[in-house]
Amino acid sequence: MKNLERIRWRARRGLLELDIVLGRFIEAHYAQLDDAEKKAFETLLDMPDNPLWDMIVGRAERGVPEAVQGEQQALLEKIRTV
């Protein structure tokens, strides 16, 4: 449970929309993620608010950065569904 509390805390953002979407994603899907997906989610949480929000809503300039691949891209798709 401490890990989940830590993730919830890390997902709190200054950008209200992002705070809401990430919170909903954690409540709905985080418990079902495997270890690789959880690590990928933490990598997304390391990103600054505005670029992360742009990727979630699909308006990132020149697409998704190369650093965000594989598991992170799949997570972005899941996050978009909440």
C-alpha atoms as a PDB file:
ATOM      1  CA  MET A   1       0.000   0.000   0.000  1.00  0.00           C
ATOM      2  CA  LYS A   2       2.873   2.402   0.634  1.00  0.00           C
ATOM      3  CA  ASN A   3       3.838   2.140  -3.041  1.00  0.00           C
ATOM      4  CA  LEU A   4       0.298   3.059  -4.123  1.00  0.00           C
ATOM      5  CA  GLU A   5       0.279   6.044  -1.765  1.00  0.00           C
ATOM      6  CA  ARG A   6       3.639   7.154  -3.174  1.00  0.00           C
ATOM      7  CA  ILE A   7       2.313   6.866  -6.733  1.00  0.00           C
ATOM      8  CA  ARG A   8      -0.804   8.846  -5.853  1.00  0.00           C
ATOM      9  CA  TRP A   9       1.393  11.556  -4.357  1.00  0.00           C
ATOM     10  CA  ARG A  10       3.677  11.633  -7.418  1.00  0.00           C
ATOM     11  CA  ALA A  11       0.646  11.873  -9.714  1.00  0.00           C
ATOM     12  CA  ARG A  12      -0.555  15.076  -8.033  1.00  0.00           C
ATOM     13  CA  ARG A  13       0.238  17.809 -10.496  1.00  0.00           C
ATOM     14  CA  GLY A  14       0.046  21.556 -10.817  1.00  0.00           C
ATOM     15  CA  LEU A  15      -2.037  21.213 -13.969  1.00  0.00           C
ATOM     16  CA  LEU A  16      -5.558  20.443 -12.748  1.00  0.00           C
ATOM     17  CA  GLU A  17      -6.632  18.491 -15.824  1.00  0.00           C
ATOM     18  CA  LEU A  18      -3.585  16.255 -15.569  1.00  0.00           C
ATOM     19  CA  ASP A  19      -4.116  15.800 -11.837  1.00  0.00           C
ATOM     20  CA  ILE A  20      -7.685  14.614 -12.482  1.00  0.00           C
ATOM     21  CA  VAL A  21      -6.843  12.263 -15.360  1.00  0.00           C
ATOM     22  CA  LEU A  22      -3.886  10.648 -13.593  1.00  0.00           C
ATOM     23  CA  GLY A  23      -5.888  10.253 -10.375  1.00  0.00           C
ATOM     24  CA  ARG A  24      -8.725   8.558 -12.235  1.00  0.00           C
ATOM     25  CA  PHE A  25      -6.283   6.306 -14.070  1.00  0.00           C
ATOM     26  CA  ILE A  26      -4.655   5.232 -10.799  1.00  0.00           C
ATOM     27  CA  GLU A  27      -8.020   4.455  -9.210  1.00  0.00           C
ATOM     28  CA  ALA A  28      -9.314   2.535 -12.226  1.00  0.00           C
ATOM     29  CA  HIS A  29      -6.243   0.737 -13.590  1.00  0.00           C
ATOM     30  CA  TYR A  30      -3.065   0.980 -11.499  1.00  0.00           C
ATOM     31  CA  ALA A  31      -3.725  -2.150  -9.416  1.00  0.00           C
ATOM     32  CA  GLN A  32      -4.010  -4.249 -12.600  1.00  0.00           C
ATOM     33  CA  LEU A  33      -0.736  -3.060 -14.133  1.00  0.00           C
ATOM     34  CA  ASP A  34       2.159  -5.500 -14.274  1.00  0.00           C
ATOM     35  CA  ASP A  35       5.622  -4.508 -13.019  1.00  0.00           C
ATOM     36  CA  ALA A  36       6.807  -3.292 -16.442  1.00  0.00           C
ATOM     37  CA  GLU A  37       3.716  -1.121 -16.855  1.00  0.00           C
ATOM     38  CA  LYS A  38       4.120   0.313 -13.353  1.00  0.00           C
ATOM     39  CA  LYS A  39       7.729   1.212 -14.137  1.00  0.00           C
ATOM     40  CA  ALA A  40       6.606   2.792 -17.416  1.00  0.00           C
ATOM     41  CA  PHE A  41       3.967   4.806 -15.551  1.00  0.00           C
ATOM     42  CA  GLU A  42       6.610   6.088 -13.149  1.00  0.00           C
ATOM     43  CA  THR A  43       8.699   7.134 -16.152  1.00  0.00           C
ATOM     44  CA  LEU A  44       5.735   9.146 -17.426  1.00  0.00           C
ATOM     45  CA  LEU A  45       5.364  10.728 -13.982  1.00  0.00           C
ATOM     46  CA  ASP A  46       8.960  11.981 -14.275  1.00  0.00           C
ATOM     47  CA  MET A  47       7.922  14.182 -17.205  1.00  0.00           C
ATOM     48  CA  PRO A  48       6.990  17.860 -16.822  1.00  0.00           C
ATOM     49  CA  ASP A  49       3.258  18.592 -16.738  1.00  0.00           C
ATOM     50  CA  ASN A  50       2.754  20.354 -20.062  1.00  0.00           C
ATOM     51  CA  PRO A  51       4.577  17.872 -22.318  1.00  0.00           C
ATOM     52  CA  LEU A  52       2.871  14.956 -20.546  1.00  0.00           C
ATOM     53  CA  TRP A  53      -0.557  16.574 -20.918  1.00  0.00           C
ATOM     54  CA  ASP A  54       0.131  17.267 -24.606  1.00  0.00           C
ATOM     55  CA  MET A  55       0.959  13.594 -25.134  1.00  0.00           C
ATOM     56  CA  ILE A  56      -2.165  12.440 -23.288  1.00  0.00           C
ATOM     57  CA  VAL A  57      -4.471  14.649 -25.325  1.00  0.00           C
ATOM     58  CA  GLY A  58      -2.608  13.808 -28.537  1.00  0.00           C
ATOM     59  CA  ARG A  59      -1.207  17.205 -29.383  1.00  0.00           C
ATOM     60  CA  ALA A  60       2.469  16.624 -28.663  1.00  0.00           C
ATOM     61  CA  GLU A  61       4.634  18.428 -31.195  1.00  0.00           C
ATOM     62  CA  ARG A  62       6.135  16.005 -33.705  1.00  0.00           C
ATOM     63  CA  GLY A  63       4.353  13.129 -31.988  1.00  0.00           C
ATOM     64  CA  VAL A  64       5.468  11.277 -28.912  1.00  0.00           C
ATOM     65  CA  PRO A  65       9.146  11.727 -28.007  1.00  0.00           C
ATOM     66  CA  GLU A  66      11.426   8.795 -28.766  1.00  0.00           C
ATOM     67  CA  ALA A  67      12.118   8.416 -25.047  1.00  0.00           C
ATOM     68  CA  VAL A  68       8.452   7.467 -24.610  1.00  0.00           C
ATOM     69  CA  GLN A  69       8.151   4.138 -26.360  1.00  0.00           C
ATOM     70  CA  GLY A  70       6.701   0.691 -25.922  1.00  0.00           C
ATOM     71  CA  GLU A  71       5.155   0.415 -22.482  1.00  0.00           C
ATOM     72  CA  GLN A  72       4.813   4.179 -22.076  1.00  0.00           C
ATOM     73  CA  GLN A  73       2.983   4.478 -25.409  1.00  0.00           C
ATOM     74  CA  ALA A  74       0.605   1.668 -24.409  1.00  0.00           C
ATOM     75  CA  LEU A  75      -0.018   3.405 -21.082  1.00  0.00           C
ATOM     76  CA  LEU A  76      -0.793   6.678 -22.818  1.00  0.00           C
ATOM     77  CA  GLU A  77      -3.505   4.835 -24.742  1.00  0.00           C
ATOM     78  CA  LYS A  78      -4.950   3.473 -21.472  1.00  0.00           C
ATOM     79  CA  ILE A  79      -4.753   6.870 -19.790  1.00  0.00           C
ATOM     80  CA  ARG A  80      -6.656   8.430 -22.697  1.00  0.00           C
ATOM     81  CA  THR A  81      -9.596   6.127 -21.989  1.00  0.00           C
ATOM     82  CA  VAL A  82     -10.324   7.500 -18.497  1.00  0.00           C
END
